[in-house]
Amino acid sequence: QVQLVESGGGLVQAGDSLRLSCAASGRILRTSTMGWFRQAPGKEREFVAAISWTVTTPIYEDSVKGRFTISRDNTKNTLYLQMNSLKPEDTAVYYCASGRLFVRNKDLYDDWGQGTQVTVSS
């Protein structure tokens, strides 16, 4: 099992930037994919971005392409999400997750963090 702890959320204004971090520990050697998801009030948890050990190009949800960048520092066992040009519709709890498949489907991820709140005011 992999333990994941997110940080970096907060309250910002539209157009601002934030960088989320996700520290991983435990059996991380078996993790091939790490991803970010988000859940707004009253909505289902949705895919944001994912990055793989074996696939060089990350994948993104269409609405964040060009604004968000996912990266990982393997020496620190940490996943990042750089979020630029934030919009009010980006407001949600953001979760990191780990899994074995390079997919967008949240049901195929094995381990989850507790989430960090991002609020973007207009």
PDB file of N, CA and C in Angstrom:
ATOM      1  N   GLN A   1       0.836  -1.188   0.000  1.00  0.00           N
ATOM      2  CA  GLN A   1       0.000   0.000   0.000  1.00  0.00           C
ATOM      3  C   GLN A   1       0.876   1.244   0.000  1.00  0.00           C
ATOM      4  N   VAL A   2       0.377   2.299  -0.642  1.00  0.00           N
ATOM      5  CA  VAL A   2       1.092   3.569  -0.730  1.00  0.00           C
ATOM      6  C   VAL A   2       0.336   4.612   0.083  1.00  0.00           C
ATOM      7  N   GLN A   3       1.066   5.337   0.906  1.00  0.00           N
ATOM      8  CA  GLN A   3       0.464   6.436   1.666  1.00  0.00           C
ATOM      9  C   GLN A   3       0.750   7.747   0.937  1.00  0.00           C
ATOM     10  N   LEU A   4      -0.285   8.571   0.797  1.00  0.00           N
ATOM     11  CA  LEU A   4      -0.184   9.814   0.039  1.00  0.00           C
ATOM     12  C   LEU A   4      -0.694  10.970   0.886  1.00  0.00           C
ATOM     13  N   VAL A   5       0.064  12.060   0.920  1.00  0.00           N
ATOM     14  CA  VAL A   5      -0.324  13.234   1.690  1.00  0.00           C
ATOM     15  C   VAL A   5      -0.190  14.470   0.808  1.00  0.00           C
ATOM     16  N   GLU A   6      -1.328  15.120   0.537  1.00  0.00           N
ATOM     17  CA  GLU A   6      -1.331  16.327  -0.293  1.00  0.00           C
ATOM     18  C   GLU A   6      -1.115  17.571   0.556  1.00  0.00           C
ATOM     19  N   SER A   7      -0.586  18.602  -0.086  1.00  0.00           N
ATOM     20  CA  SER A   7      -0.450  19.913   0.546  1.00  0.00           C
ATOM     21  C   SER A   7      -0.407  20.976  -0.535  1.00  0.00           C
ATOM     22  N   GLY A   8      -0.550  22.234  -0.111  1.00  0.00           N
ATOM     23  CA  GLY A   8      -0.400  23.334  -1.048  1.00  0.00           C
ATOM     24  C   GLY A   8      -1.682  24.016  -1.466  1.00  0.00           C
ATOM     25  N   GLY A   9      -2.816  23.499  -1.025  1.00  0.00           N
ATOM     26  CA  GLY A   9      -4.064  24.144  -1.378  1.00  0.00           C
ATOM     27  C   GLY A   9      -4.232  25.482  -0.675  1.00  0.00           C
ATOM     28  N   GLY A  10      -5.270  26.213  -1.073  1.00  0.00           N
ATOM     29  CA  GLY A  10      -5.529  27.493  -0.437  1.00  0.00           C
ATOM     30  C   GLY A  10      -6.572  28.292  -1.172  1.00  0.00           C
ATOM     31  N   LEU A  11      -6.726  29.530  -0.741  1.00  0.00           N
ATOM     32  CA  LEU A  11      -7.670  30.469  -1.350  1.00  0.00           C
ATOM     33  C   LEU A  11      -6.891  31.472  -2.178  1.00  0.00           C
ATOM     34  N   VAL A  12      -7.218  31.538  -3.466  1.00  0.00           N
ATOM     35  CA  VAL A  12      -6.547  32.464  -4.370  1.00  0.00           C
ATOM     36  C   VAL A  12      -7.588  33.172  -5.217  1.00  0.00           C
ATOM     37  N   GLN A  13      -7.118  34.174  -5.953  1.00  0.00           N
ATOM     38  CA  GLN A  13      -7.997  34.886  -6.875  1.00  0.00           C
ATOM     39  C   GLN A  13      -7.844  34.326  -8.286  1.00  0.00           C
ATOM     40  N   ALA A  14      -8.844  34.562  -9.091  1.00  0.00           N
ATOM     41  CA  ALA A  14      -8.785  34.136 -10.491  1.00  0.00           C
ATOM     42  C   ALA A  14      -7.538  34.724 -11.150  1.00  0.00           C
ATOM     43  N   GLY A  15      -6.845  33.865 -11.908  1.00  0.00           N
ATOM     44  CA  GLY A  15      -5.627  34.284 -12.573  1.00  0.00           C
ATOM     45  C   GLY A  15      -4.363  33.961 -11.806  1.00  0.00           C
ATOM     46  N   ASP A  16      -4.498  33.634 -10.528  1.00  0.00           N
ATOM     47  CA  ASP A  16      -3.344  33.304  -9.697  1.00  0.00           C
ATOM     48  C   ASP A  16      -2.853  31.882  -9.972  1.00  0.00           C
ATOM     49  N   SER A  17      -1.760  31.542  -9.311  1.00  0.00           N
ATOM     50  CA  SER A  17      -1.163  30.209  -9.441  1.00  0.00           C
ATOM     51  C   SER A  17      -1.042  29.545  -8.075  1.00  0.00           C
ATOM     52  N   LEU A  18      -1.031  28.223  -8.105  1.00  0.00           N
ATOM     53  CA  LEU A  18      -0.776  27.407  -6.918  1.00  0.00           C
ATOM     54  C   LEU A  18       0.001  26.181  -7.344  1.00  0.00           C
ATOM     55  N   ARG A  19       0.806  25.648  -6.439  1.00  0.00           N
ATOM     56  CA  ARG A  19       1.452  24.375  -6.696  1.00  0.00           C
ATOM     57  C   ARG A  19       1.077  23.400  -5.592  1.00  0.00           C
ATOM     58  N   LEU A  20       0.451  22.321  -5.985  1.00  0.00           N
ATOM     59  CA  LEU A  20       0.108  21.262  -5.055  1.00  0.00           C
ATOM     60  C   LEU A  20       1.235  20.235  -5.015  1.00  0.00           C
ATOM     61  N   SER A  21       1.433  19.661  -3.835  1.00  0.00           N
ATOM     62  CA  SER A  21       2.410  18.599  -3.665  1.00  0.00           C
ATOM     63  C   SER A  21       1.726  17.377  -3.086  1.00  0.00           C
ATOM     64  N   CYS A  22       2.290  16.214  -3.380  1.00  0.00           N
ATOM     65  CA  CYS A  22       1.777  14.962  -2.839  1.00  0.00           C
ATOM     66  C   CYS A  22       2.985  14.102  -2.473  1.00  0.00           C
ATOM     67  N   ALA A  23       3.189  13.928  -1.189  1.00  0.00           N
ATOM     68  CA  ALA A  23       4.307  13.114  -0.701  1.00  0.00           C
ATOM     69  C   ALA A  23       3.874  11.667  -0.585  1.00  0.00           C
ATOM     70  N   ALA A  24       4.654  10.781  -1.178  1.00  0.00           N
ATOM     71  CA  ALA A  24       4.319   9.362  -1.190  1.00  0.00           C
ATOM     72  C   ALA A  24       5.271   8.583  -0.297  1.00  0.00           C
ATOM     73  N   SER A  25       4.748   7.584   0.373  1.00  0.00           N
ATOM     74  CA  SER A  25       5.568   6.692   1.178  1.00  0.00           C
ATOM     75  C   SER A  25       4.942   5.307   1.138  1.00  0.00           C
ATOM     76  N   GLY A  26       5.685   4.328   1.625  1.00  0.00           N
ATOM     77  CA  GLY A  26       5.174   2.962   1.611  1.00  0.00           C
ATOM     78  C   GLY A  26       5.711   2.206   0.409  1.00  0.00           C
ATOM     79  N   ARG A  27       4.888   1.362  -0.168  1.00  0.00           N
ATOM     80  CA  ARG A  27       5.323   0.486  -1.258  1.00  0.00           C
ATOM     81  C   ARG A  27       5.258   1.216  -2.603  1.00  0.00           C
ATOM     82  N   ILE A  28       6.028   2.290  -2.693  1.00  0.00           N
ATOM     83  CA  ILE A  28       5.926   3.104  -3.892  1.00  0.00           C
ATOM     84  C   ILE A  28       6.616   2.501  -5.097  1.00  0.00           C
ATOM     85  N   LEU A  29       7.480   1.511  -4.887  1.00  0.00           N
ATOM     86  CA  LEU A  29       8.196   0.936  -6.018  1.00  0.00           C
ATOM     87  C   LEU A  29       7.254   0.265  -7.010  1.00  0.00           C
ATOM     88  N   ARG A  30       6.116  -0.183  -6.529  1.00  0.00           N
ATOM     89  CA  ARG A  30       5.198  -0.858  -7.437  1.00  0.00           C
ATOM     90  C   ARG A  30       4.266   0.106  -8.150  1.00  0.00           C
ATOM     91  N   THR A  31       4.370   1.378  -7.818  1.00  0.00           N
ATOM     92  CA  THR A  31       3.463   2.360  -8.410  1.00  0.00           C
ATOM     93  C   THR A  31       3.986   2.808  -9.759  1.00  0.00           C
ATOM     94  N   SER A  32       3.237   2.648 -10.782  1.00  0.00           N
ATOM     95  CA  SER A  32       3.690   3.058 -12.102  1.00  0.00           C
ATOM     96  C   SER A  32       3.045   4.350 -12.564  1.00  0.00           C
ATOM     97  N   THR A  33       1.908   4.691 -12.009  1.00  0.00           N
ATOM     98  CA  THR A  33       1.204   5.903 -12.400  1.00  0.00           C
ATOM     99  C   THR A  33       0.776   6.673 -11.164  1.00  0.00           C
ATOM    100  N   MET A  34       0.918   7.988 -11.242  1.00  0.00           N
ATOM    101  CA  MET A  34       0.352   8.844 -10.211  1.00  0.00           C
ATOM    102  C   MET A  34      -0.506   9.901 -10.887  1.00  0.00           C
ATOM    103  N   GLY A  35      -1.605  10.234 -10.240  1.00  0.00           N
ATOM    104  CA  GLY A  35      -2.534  11.159 -10.857  1.00  0.00           C
ATOM    105  C   GLY A  35      -3.119  12.143  -9.869  1.00  0.00           C
ATOM    106  N   TRP A  36      -3.716  13.194 -10.438  1.00  0.00           N
ATOM    107  CA  TRP A  36      -4.472  14.176  -9.664  1.00  0.00           C
ATOM    108  C   TRP A  36      -5.924  14.118 -10.109  1.00  0.00           C
ATOM    109  N   PHE A  37      -6.802  14.163  -9.140  1.00  0.00           N
ATOM    110  CA  PHE A  37      -8.238  14.228  -9.373  1.00  0.00           C
ATOM    111  C   PHE A  37      -8.788  15.381  -8.544  1.00  0.00           C
ATOM    112  N   ARG A  38     -10.011  15.782  -8.850  1.00  0.00           N
ATOM    113  CA  ARG A  38     -10.637  16.846  -8.057  1.00  0.00           C
ATOM    114  C   ARG A  38     -12.122  16.576  -7.938  1.00  0.00           C
ATOM    115  N   GLN A  39     -12.686  17.103  -6.863  1.00  0.00           N
ATOM    116  CA  GLN A  39     -14.111  16.930  -6.617  1.00  0.00           C
ATOM    117  C   GLN A  39     -14.686  18.229  -6.085  1.00  0.00           C
ATOM    118  N   ALA A  40     -15.594  18.794  -6.863  1.00  0.00           N
ATOM    119  CA  ALA A  40     -16.305  20.002  -6.462  1.00  0.00           C
ATOM    120  C   ALA A  40     -17.572  19.606  -5.707  1.00  0.00           C
ATOM    121  N   PRO A  41     -18.111  20.498  -4.876  1.00  0.00           N
ATOM    122  CA  PRO A  41     -19.326  20.169  -4.118  1.00  0.00           C
ATOM    123  C   PRO A  41     -20.458  19.728  -5.028  1.00  0.00           C
ATOM    124  N   GLY A  42     -21.056  18.610  -4.691  1.00  0.00           N
ATOM    125  CA  GLY A  42     -22.188  18.111  -5.455  1.00  0.00           C
ATOM    126  C   GLY A  42     -21.843  17.435  -6.762  1.00  0.00           C
ATOM    127  N   LYS A  43     -20.562  17.283  -7.038  1.00  0.00           N
ATOM    128  CA  LYS A  43     -20.136  16.662  -8.298  1.00  0.00           C
ATOM    129  C   LYS A  43     -19.298  15.423  -8.027  1.00  0.00           C
ATOM    130  N   GLU A  44     -19.181  14.599  -9.057  1.00  0.00           N
ATOM    131  CA  GLU A  44     -18.348  13.413  -8.941  1.00  0.00           C
ATOM    132  C   GLU A  44     -16.869  13.797  -9.011  1.00  0.00           C
ATOM    133  N   ARG A  45     -16.040  12.934  -8.446  1.00  0.00           N
ATOM    134  CA  ARG A  45     -14.602  13.135  -8.547  1.00  0.00           C
ATOM    135  C   ARG A  45     -14.186  12.961 -10.005  1.00  0.00           C
ATOM    136  N   GLU A  46     -13.397  13.902 -10.519  1.00  0.00           N
ATOM    137  CA  GLU A  46     -13.023  13.864 -11.928  1.00  0.00           C
ATOM    138  C   GLU A  46     -11.502  13.869 -12.093  1.00  0.00           C
ATOM    139  N   PHE A  47     -11.094  13.303 -13.195  1.00  0.00           N
ATOM    140  CA  PHE A  47      -9.687  13.232 -13.549  1.00  0.00           C
ATOM    141  C   PHE A  47      -9.152  14.619 -13.890  1.00  0.00           C
ATOM    142  N   VAL A  48      -7.905  14.892 -13.461  1.00  0.00           N
ATOM    143  CA  VAL A  48      -7.242  16.145 -13.817  1.00  0.00           C
ATOM    144  C   VAL A  48      -5.998  15.868 -14.663  1.00  0.00           C
ATOM    145  N   ALA A  49      -5.099  15.021 -14.153  1.00  0.00           N
ATOM    146  CA  ALA A  49      -3.852  14.755 -14.870  1.00  0.00           C
ATOM    147  C   ALA A  49      -3.219  13.491 -14.311  1.00  0.00           C
ATOM    148  N   ALA A  50      -2.366  12.862 -15.118  1.00  0.00           N
ATOM    149  CA  ALA A  50      -1.649  11.671 -14.667  1.00  0.00           C
ATOM    150  C   ALA A  50      -0.284  11.624 -15.327  1.00  0.00           C
ATOM    151  N   ILE A  51       0.640  10.980 -14.621  1.00  0.00           N
ATOM    152  CA  ILE A  51       2.001  10.840 -15.122  1.00  0.00           C
ATOM    153  C   ILE A  51       2.480   9.436 -14.793  1.00  0.00           C
ATOM    154  N   SER A  52       3.263   8.879 -15.699  1.00  0.00           N
ATOM    155  CA  SER A  52       3.659   7.480 -15.597  1.00  0.00           C
ATOM    156  C   SER A  52       5.176   7.352 -15.564  1.00  0.00           C
ATOM    157  N   TRP A  53       5.637   6.254 -14.954  1.00  0.00           N
ATOM    158  CA  TRP A  53       7.064   5.934 -15.028  1.00  0.00           C
ATOM    159  C   TRP A  53       7.472   5.613 -16.461  1.00  0.00           C
ATOM    160  N   THR A  54       6.601   4.936 -17.190  1.00  0.00           N
ATOM    161  CA  THR A  54       6.992   4.341 -18.465  1.00  0.00           C
ATOM    162  C   THR A  54       6.533   5.128 -19.683  1.00  0.00           C
ATOM    163  N   VAL A  55       5.546   5.980 -19.514  1.00  0.00           N
ATOM    164  CA  VAL A  55       5.061   6.785 -20.640  1.00  0.00           C
ATOM    165  C   VAL A  55       5.542   8.213 -20.420  1.00  0.00           C
ATOM    166  N   THR A  56       6.240   8.773 -21.366  1.00  0.00           N
ATOM    167  CA  THR A  56       6.905  10.049 -21.140  1.00  0.00           C
ATOM    168  C   THR A  56       5.957  11.249 -21.166  1.00  0.00           C
ATOM    169  N   THR A  57       4.844  11.140 -21.858  1.00  0.00           N
ATOM    170  CA  THR A  57       3.938  12.281 -22.001  1.00  0.00           C
ATOM    171  C   THR A  57       2.775  12.169 -21.020  1.00  0.00           C
ATOM    172  N   PRO A  58       2.624  13.117 -20.106  1.00  0.00           N
ATOM    173  CA  PRO A  58       1.482  13.080 -19.192  1.00  0.00           C
ATOM    174  C   PRO A  58       0.170  13.274 -19.948  1.00  0.00           C
ATOM    175  N   ILE A  59      -0.924  12.958 -19.300  1.00  0.00           N
ATOM    176  CA  ILE A  59      -2.241  13.195 -19.877  1.00  0.00           C
ATOM    177  C   ILE A  59      -3.001  14.166 -18.983  1.00  0.00           C
ATOM    178  N   TYR A  60      -3.861  14.963 -19.602  1.00  0.00           N
ATOM    179  CA  TYR A  60      -4.593  16.011 -18.898  1.00  0.00           C
ATOM    180  C   TYR A  60      -6.057  16.003 -19.310  1.00  0.00           C
ATOM    181  N   GLU A  61      -6.877  16.447 -18.402  1.00  0.00           N
ATOM    182  CA  GLU A  61      -8.274  16.735 -18.727  1.00  0.00           C
ATOM    183  C   GLU A  61      -8.283  17.987 -19.593  1.00  0.00           C
ATOM    184  N   ASP A  62      -9.197  18.029 -20.549  1.00  0.00           N
ATOM    185  CA  ASP A  62      -9.159  19.098 -21.559  1.00  0.00           C
ATOM    186  C   ASP A  62      -9.202  20.503 -20.953  1.00  0.00           C
ATOM    187  N   SER A  63      -9.965  20.707 -19.897  1.00  0.00           N
ATOM    188  CA  SER A  63     -10.148  22.062 -19.382  1.00  0.00           C
ATOM    189  C   SER A  63      -8.905  22.604 -18.674  1.00  0.00           C
ATOM    190  N   VAL A  64      -7.937  21.750 -18.371  1.00  0.00           N
ATOM    191  CA  VAL A  64      -6.738  22.222 -17.687  1.00  0.00           C
ATOM    192  C   VAL A  64      -5.505  22.222 -18.587  1.00  0.00           C
ATOM    193  N   LYS A  65      -5.645  21.705 -19.796  1.00  0.00           N
ATOM    194  CA  LYS A  65      -4.514  21.686 -20.727  1.00  0.00           C
ATOM    195  C   LYS A  65      -3.998  23.091 -20.967  1.00  0.00           C
ATOM    196  N   GLY A  66      -2.671  23.234 -20.903  1.00  0.00           N
ATOM    197  CA  GLY A  66      -2.069  24.542 -21.117  1.00  0.00           C
ATOM    198  C   GLY A  66      -2.010  25.400 -19.868  1.00  0.00           C
ATOM    199  N   ARG A  67      -2.738  25.008 -18.812  1.00  0.00           N
ATOM    200  CA  ARG A  67      -2.728  25.774 -17.558  1.00  0.00           C
ATOM    201  C   ARG A  67      -2.077  24.988 -16.416  1.00  0.00           C
ATOM    202  N   PHE A  68      -2.304  23.682 -16.392  1.00  0.00           N
ATOM    203  CA  PHE A  68      -1.776  22.842 -15.323  1.00  0.00           C
ATOM    204  C   PHE A  68      -0.633  21.987 -15.861  1.00  0.00           C
ATOM    205  N   THR A  69       0.335  21.719 -14.981  1.00  0.00           N
ATOM    206  CA  THR A  69       1.454  20.843 -15.329  1.00  0.00           C
ATOM    207  C   THR A  69       1.692  19.854 -14.197  1.00  0.00           C
ATOM    208  N   ILE A  70       1.665  18.576 -14.541  1.00  0.00           N
ATOM    209  CA  ILE A  70       1.944  17.533 -13.554  1.00  0.00           C
ATOM    210  C   ILE A  70       3.399  17.112 -13.701  1.00  0.00           C
ATOM    211  N   SER A  71       4.032  16.857 -12.567  1.00  0.00           N
ATOM    212  CA  SER A  71       5.420  16.400 -12.593  1.00  0.00           C
ATOM    213  C   SER A  71       5.677  15.551 -11.346  1.00  0.00           C
ATOM    214  N   ARG A  72       6.778  14.832 -11.373  1.00  0.00           N
ATOM    215  CA  ARG A  72       7.134  14.020 -10.210  1.00  0.00           C
ATOM    216  C   ARG A  72       8.627  14.091  -9.998  1.00  0.00           C
ATOM    217  N   ASP A  73       9.019  14.094  -8.734  1.00  0.00           N
ATOM    218  CA  ASP A  73      10.433  14.056  -8.359  1.00  0.00           C
ATOM    219  C   ASP A  73      10.650  12.711  -7.689  1.00  0.00           C
ATOM    220  N   ASN A  74      11.251  11.800  -8.417  1.00  0.00           N
ATOM    221  CA  ASN A  74      11.402  10.445  -7.903  1.00  0.00           C
ATOM    222  C   ASN A  74      12.388  10.383  -6.744  1.00  0.00           C
ATOM    223  N   THR A  75      13.314  11.318  -6.688  1.00  0.00           N
ATOM    224  CA  THR A  75      14.285  11.309  -5.590  1.00  0.00           C
ATOM    225  C   THR A  75      13.619  11.712  -4.273  1.00  0.00           C
ATOM    226  N   LYS A  76      12.531  12.473  -4.379  1.00  0.00           N
ATOM    227  CA  LYS A  76      11.813  12.910  -3.186  1.00  0.00           C
ATOM    228  C   LYS A  76      10.493  12.177  -2.998  1.00  0.00           C
ATOM    229  N   ASN A  77      10.184  11.258  -3.913  1.00  0.00           N
ATOM    230  CA  ASN A  77       8.902  10.543  -3.868  1.00  0.00           C
ATOM    231  C   ASN A  77       7.730  11.522  -3.769  1.00  0.00           C
ATOM    232  N   THR A  78       7.780  12.542  -4.579  1.00  0.00           N
ATOM    233  CA  THR A  78       6.769  13.601  -4.504  1.00  0.00           C
ATOM    234  C   THR A  78       6.186  13.886  -5.880  1.00  0.00           C
ATOM    235  N   LEU A  79       4.880  14.049  -5.900  1.00  0.00           N
ATOM    236  CA  LEU A  79       4.139  14.420  -7.104  1.00  0.00           C
ATOM    237  C   LEU A  79       3.723  15.873  -6.975  1.00  0.00           C
ATOM    238  N   TYR A  80       3.731  16.596  -8.080  1.00  0.00           N
ATOM    239  CA  TYR A  80       3.359  18.006  -8.073  1.00  0.00           C
ATOM    240  C   TYR A  80       2.263  18.279  -9.106  1.00  0.00           C
ATOM    241  N   LEU A  81       1.517  19.345  -8.838  1.00  0.00           N
ATOM    242  CA  LEU A  81       0.595  19.879  -9.827  1.00  0.00           C
ATOM    243  C   LEU A  81       0.732  21.395  -9.808  1.00  0.00           C
ATOM    244  N   GLN A  82       1.376  21.935 -10.823  1.00  0.00           N
ATOM    245  CA  GLN A  82       1.486  23.384 -10.971  1.00  0.00           C
ATOM    246  C   GLN A  82       0.240  23.881 -11.674  1.00  0.00           C
ATOM    247  N   MET A  83      -0.484  24.771 -11.022  1.00  0.00           N
ATOM    248  CA  MET A  83      -1.738  25.276 -11.571  1.00  0.00           C
ATOM    249  C   MET A  83      -1.605  26.772 -11.819  1.00  0.00           C
ATOM    250  N   ASN A  84      -1.692  27.166 -13.070  1.00  0.00           N
ATOM    251  CA  ASN A  84      -1.602  28.574 -13.453  1.00  0.00           C
ATOM    252  C   ASN A  84      -2.937  29.046 -14.020  1.00  0.00           C
ATOM    253  N   SER A  85      -3.093  30.342 -14.080  1.00  0.00           N
ATOM    254  CA  SER A  85      -4.314  30.949 -14.645  1.00  0.00           C
ATOM    255  C   SER A  85      -5.566  30.302 -14.055  1.00  0.00           C
ATOM    256  N   LEU A  86      -5.604  30.210 -12.759  1.00  0.00           N
ATOM    257  CA  LEU A  86      -6.716  29.533 -12.093  1.00  0.00           C
ATOM    258  C   LEU A  86      -8.038  30.254 -12.327  1.00  0.00           C
ATOM    259  N   LYS A  87      -9.093  29.466 -12.422  1.00  0.00           N
ATOM    260  CA  LYS A  87     -10.435  29.974 -12.666  1.00  0.00           C
ATOM    261  C   LYS A  87     -11.347  29.541 -11.507  1.00  0.00           C
ATOM    262  N   PRO A  88     -12.434  30.267 -11.299  1.00  0.00           N
ATOM    263  CA  PRO A  88     -13.364  29.856 -10.234  1.00  0.00           C
ATOM    264  C   PRO A  88     -13.847  28.418 -10.403  1.00  0.00           C
ATOM    265  N   GLU A  89     -13.995  27.960 -11.625  1.00  0.00           N
ATOM    266  CA  GLU A  89     -14.462  26.591 -11.854  1.00  0.00           C
ATOM    267  C   GLU A  89     -13.410  25.536 -11.492  1.00  0.00           C
ATOM    268  N   ASP A  90     -12.203  25.956 -11.167  1.00  0.00           N
ATOM    269  CA  ASP A  90     -11.190  25.016 -10.683  1.00  0.00           C
ATOM    270  C   ASP A  90     -11.353  24.736  -9.181  1.00  0.00           C
ATOM    271  N   THR A  91     -12.267  25.448  -8.528  1.00  0.00           N
ATOM    272  CA  THR A  91     -12.496  25.245  -7.102  1.00  0.00           C
ATOM    273  C   THR A  91     -12.958  23.822  -6.831  1.00  0.00           C
ATOM    274  N   ALA A  92     -12.236  23.132  -5.942  1.00  0.00           N
ATOM    275  CA  ALA A  92     -12.537  21.734  -5.627  1.00  0.00           C
ATOM    276  C   ALA A  92     -11.566  21.248  -4.564  1.00  0.00           C
ATOM    277  N   VAL A  93     -11.842  20.069  -4.056  1.00  0.00           N
ATOM    278  CA  VAL A  93     -10.846  19.350  -3.273  1.00  0.00           C
ATOM    279  C   VAL A  93     -10.015  18.527  -4.252  1.00  0.00           C
ATOM    280  N   TYR A  94      -8.717  18.679  -4.167  1.00  0.00           N
ATOM    281  CA  TYR A  94      -7.807  17.992  -5.087  1.00  0.00           C
ATOM    282  C   TYR A  94      -7.169  16.803  -4.362  1.00  0.00           C
ATOM    283  N   TYR A  95      -7.201  15.653  -5.041  1.00  0.00           N
ATOM    284  CA  TYR A  95      -6.672  14.411  -4.495  1.00  0.00           C
ATOM    285  C   TYR A  95      -5.556  13.881  -5.385  1.00  0.00           C
ATOM    286  N   CYS A  96      -4.523  13.326  -4.780  1.00  0.00           N
ATOM    287  CA  CYS A  96      -3.573  12.572  -5.575  1.00  0.00           C
ATOM    288  C   CYS A  96      -3.848  11.087  -5.365  1.00  0.00           C
ATOM    289  N   ALA A  97      -3.458  10.306  -6.338  1.00  0.00           N
ATOM    290  CA  ALA A  97      -3.737   8.886  -6.328  1.00  0.00           C
ATOM    291  C   ALA A  97      -2.605   8.142  -7.019  1.00  0.00           C
ATOM    292  N   SER A  98      -2.453   6.882  -6.655  1.00  0.00           N
ATOM    293  CA  SER A  98      -1.439   6.051  -7.303  1.00  0.00           C
ATOM    294  C   SER A  98      -2.065   4.769  -7.793  1.00  0.00           C
ATOM    295  N   GLY A  99      -1.497   4.239  -8.856  1.00  0.00           N
ATOM    296  CA  GLY A  99      -2.038   3.019  -9.423  1.00  0.00           C
ATOM    297  C   GLY A  99      -1.057   2.354 -10.361  1.00  0.00           C
ATOM    298  N   ARG A 100      -1.502   1.276 -10.954  1.00  0.00           N
ATOM    299  CA  ARG A 100      -0.624   0.492 -11.827  1.00  0.00           C
ATOM    300  C   ARG A 100      -0.869   0.759 -13.301  1.00  0.00           C
ATOM    301  N   LEU A 101      -2.001   1.384 -13.629  1.00  0.00           N
ATOM    302  CA  LEU A 101      -2.346   1.613 -15.029  1.00  0.00           C
ATOM    303  C   LEU A 101      -2.346   3.095 -15.352  1.00  0.00           C
ATOM    304  N   PHE A 102      -1.942   3.430 -16.527  1.00  0.00           N
ATOM    305  CA  PHE A 102      -1.887   4.823 -16.981  1.00  0.00           C
ATOM    306  C   PHE A 102      -3.234   5.163 -17.613  1.00  0.00           C
ATOM    307  N   VAL A 103      -4.197   5.502 -16.716  1.00  0.00           N
ATOM    308  CA  VAL A 103      -5.575   5.690 -17.164  1.00  0.00           C
ATOM    309  C   VAL A 103      -6.197   6.908 -16.499  1.00  0.00           C
ATOM    310  N   ARG A 104      -7.371   7.320 -17.010  1.00  0.00           N
ATOM    311  CA  ARG A 104      -8.117   8.434 -16.436  1.00  0.00           C
ATOM    312  C   ARG A 104      -9.194   7.966 -15.452  1.00  0.00           C
ATOM    313  N   ASN A 105      -9.470   6.699 -15.473  1.00  0.00           N
ATOM    314  CA  ASN A 105     -10.558   6.143 -14.674  1.00  0.00           C
ATOM    315  C   ASN A 105     -10.177   6.064 -13.202  1.00  0.00           C
ATOM    316  N   LYS A 106     -10.861   6.807 -12.380  1.00  0.00           N
ATOM    317  CA  LYS A 106     -10.527   6.867 -10.953  1.00  0.00           C
ATOM    318  C   LYS A 106     -10.702   5.509 -10.265  1.00  0.00           C
ATOM    319  N   ASP A 107     -11.578   4.692 -10.785  1.00  0.00           N
ATOM    320  CA  ASP A 107     -11.840   3.395 -10.159  1.00  0.00           C
ATOM    321  C   ASP A 107     -10.668   2.434 -10.310  1.00  0.00           C
ATOM    322  N   LEU A 108      -9.722   2.768 -11.163  1.00  0.00           N
ATOM    323  CA  LEU A 108      -8.574   1.896 -11.394  1.00  0.00           C
ATOM    324  C   LEU A 108      -7.329   2.361 -10.647  1.00  0.00           C
ATOM    325  N   TYR A 109      -7.486   3.345  -9.788  1.00  0.00           N
ATOM    326  CA  TYR A 109      -6.384   3.766  -8.930  1.00  0.00           C
ATOM    327  C   TYR A 109      -6.527   3.099  -7.565  1.00  0.00           C
ATOM    328  N   ASP A 110      -5.385   2.735  -6.990  1.00  0.00           N
ATOM    329  CA  ASP A 110      -5.410   1.901  -5.786  1.00  0.00           C
ATOM    330  C   ASP A 110      -5.389   2.690  -4.478  1.00  0.00           C
ATOM    331  N   ASP A 111      -4.611   3.748  -4.441  1.00  0.00           N
ATOM    332  CA  ASP A 111      -4.391   4.462  -3.178  1.00  0.00           C
ATOM    333  C   ASP A 111      -4.660   5.945  -3.369  1.00  0.00           C
ATOM    334  N   TRP A 112      -5.195   6.568  -2.318  1.00  0.00           N
ATOM    335  CA  TRP A 112      -5.613   7.962  -2.392  1.00  0.00           C
ATOM    336  C   TRP A 112      -5.131   8.742  -1.182  1.00  0.00           C
ATOM    337  N   GLY A 113      -4.862  10.038  -1.405  1.00  0.00           N
ATOM    338  CA  GLY A 113      -4.601  10.930  -0.303  1.00  0.00           C
ATOM    339  C   GLY A 113      -5.896  11.466   0.286  1.00  0.00           C
ATOM    340  N   GLN A 114      -5.766  12.317   1.288  1.00  0.00           N
ATOM    341  CA  GLN A 114      -6.945  12.836   1.984  1.00  0.00           C
ATOM    342  C   GLN A 114      -7.527  14.076   1.304  1.00  0.00           C
ATOM    343  N   GLY A 115      -6.780  14.662   0.394  1.00  0.00           N
ATOM    344  CA  GLY A 115      -7.274  15.817  -0.348  1.00  0.00           C
ATOM    345  C   GLY A 115      -6.815  17.141   0.229  1.00  0.00           C
ATOM    346  N   THR A 116      -6.754  18.140  -0.642  1.00  0.00           N
ATOM    347  CA  THR A 116      -6.435  19.506  -0.222  1.00  0.00           C
ATOM    348  C   THR A 116      -7.377  20.460  -0.961  1.00  0.00           C
ATOM    349  N   GLN A 117      -7.917  21.425  -0.232  1.00  0.00           N
ATOM    350  CA  GLN A 117      -8.916  22.327  -0.791  1.00  0.00           C
ATOM    351  C   GLN A 117      -8.259  23.443  -1.590  1.00  0.00           C
ATOM    352  N   VAL A 118      -8.776  23.646  -2.784  1.00  0.00           N
ATOM    353  CA  VAL A 118      -8.385  24.793  -3.618  1.00  0.00           C
ATOM    354  C   VAL A 118      -9.640  25.613  -3.877  1.00  0.00           C
ATOM    355  N   THR A 119      -9.591  26.875  -3.521  1.00  0.00           N
ATOM    356  CA  THR A 119     -10.719  27.773  -3.730  1.00  0.00           C
ATOM    357  C   THR A 119     -10.237  28.969  -4.538  1.00  0.00           C
ATOM    358  N   VAL A 120     -10.906  29.222  -5.667  1.00  0.00           N
ATOM    359  CA  VAL A 120     -10.539  30.326  -6.543  1.00  0.00           C
ATOM    360  C   VAL A 120     -11.693  31.319  -6.564  1.00  0.00           C
ATOM    361  N   SER A 121     -11.428  32.517  -6.108  1.00  0.00           N
ATOM    362  CA  SER A 121     -12.467  33.551  -6.081  1.00  0.00           C
ATOM    363  C   SER A 121     -12.415  34.380  -7.360  1.00  0.00           C
ATOM    364  N   SER A 122     -13.573  34.884  -7.751  1.00  0.00           N
ATOM    365  CA  SER A 122     -13.645  35.669  -8.997  1.00  0.00           C
ATOM    366  C   SER A 122     -13.371  37.141  -8.751  1.00  0.00           C
TER     367      SER A 122
END
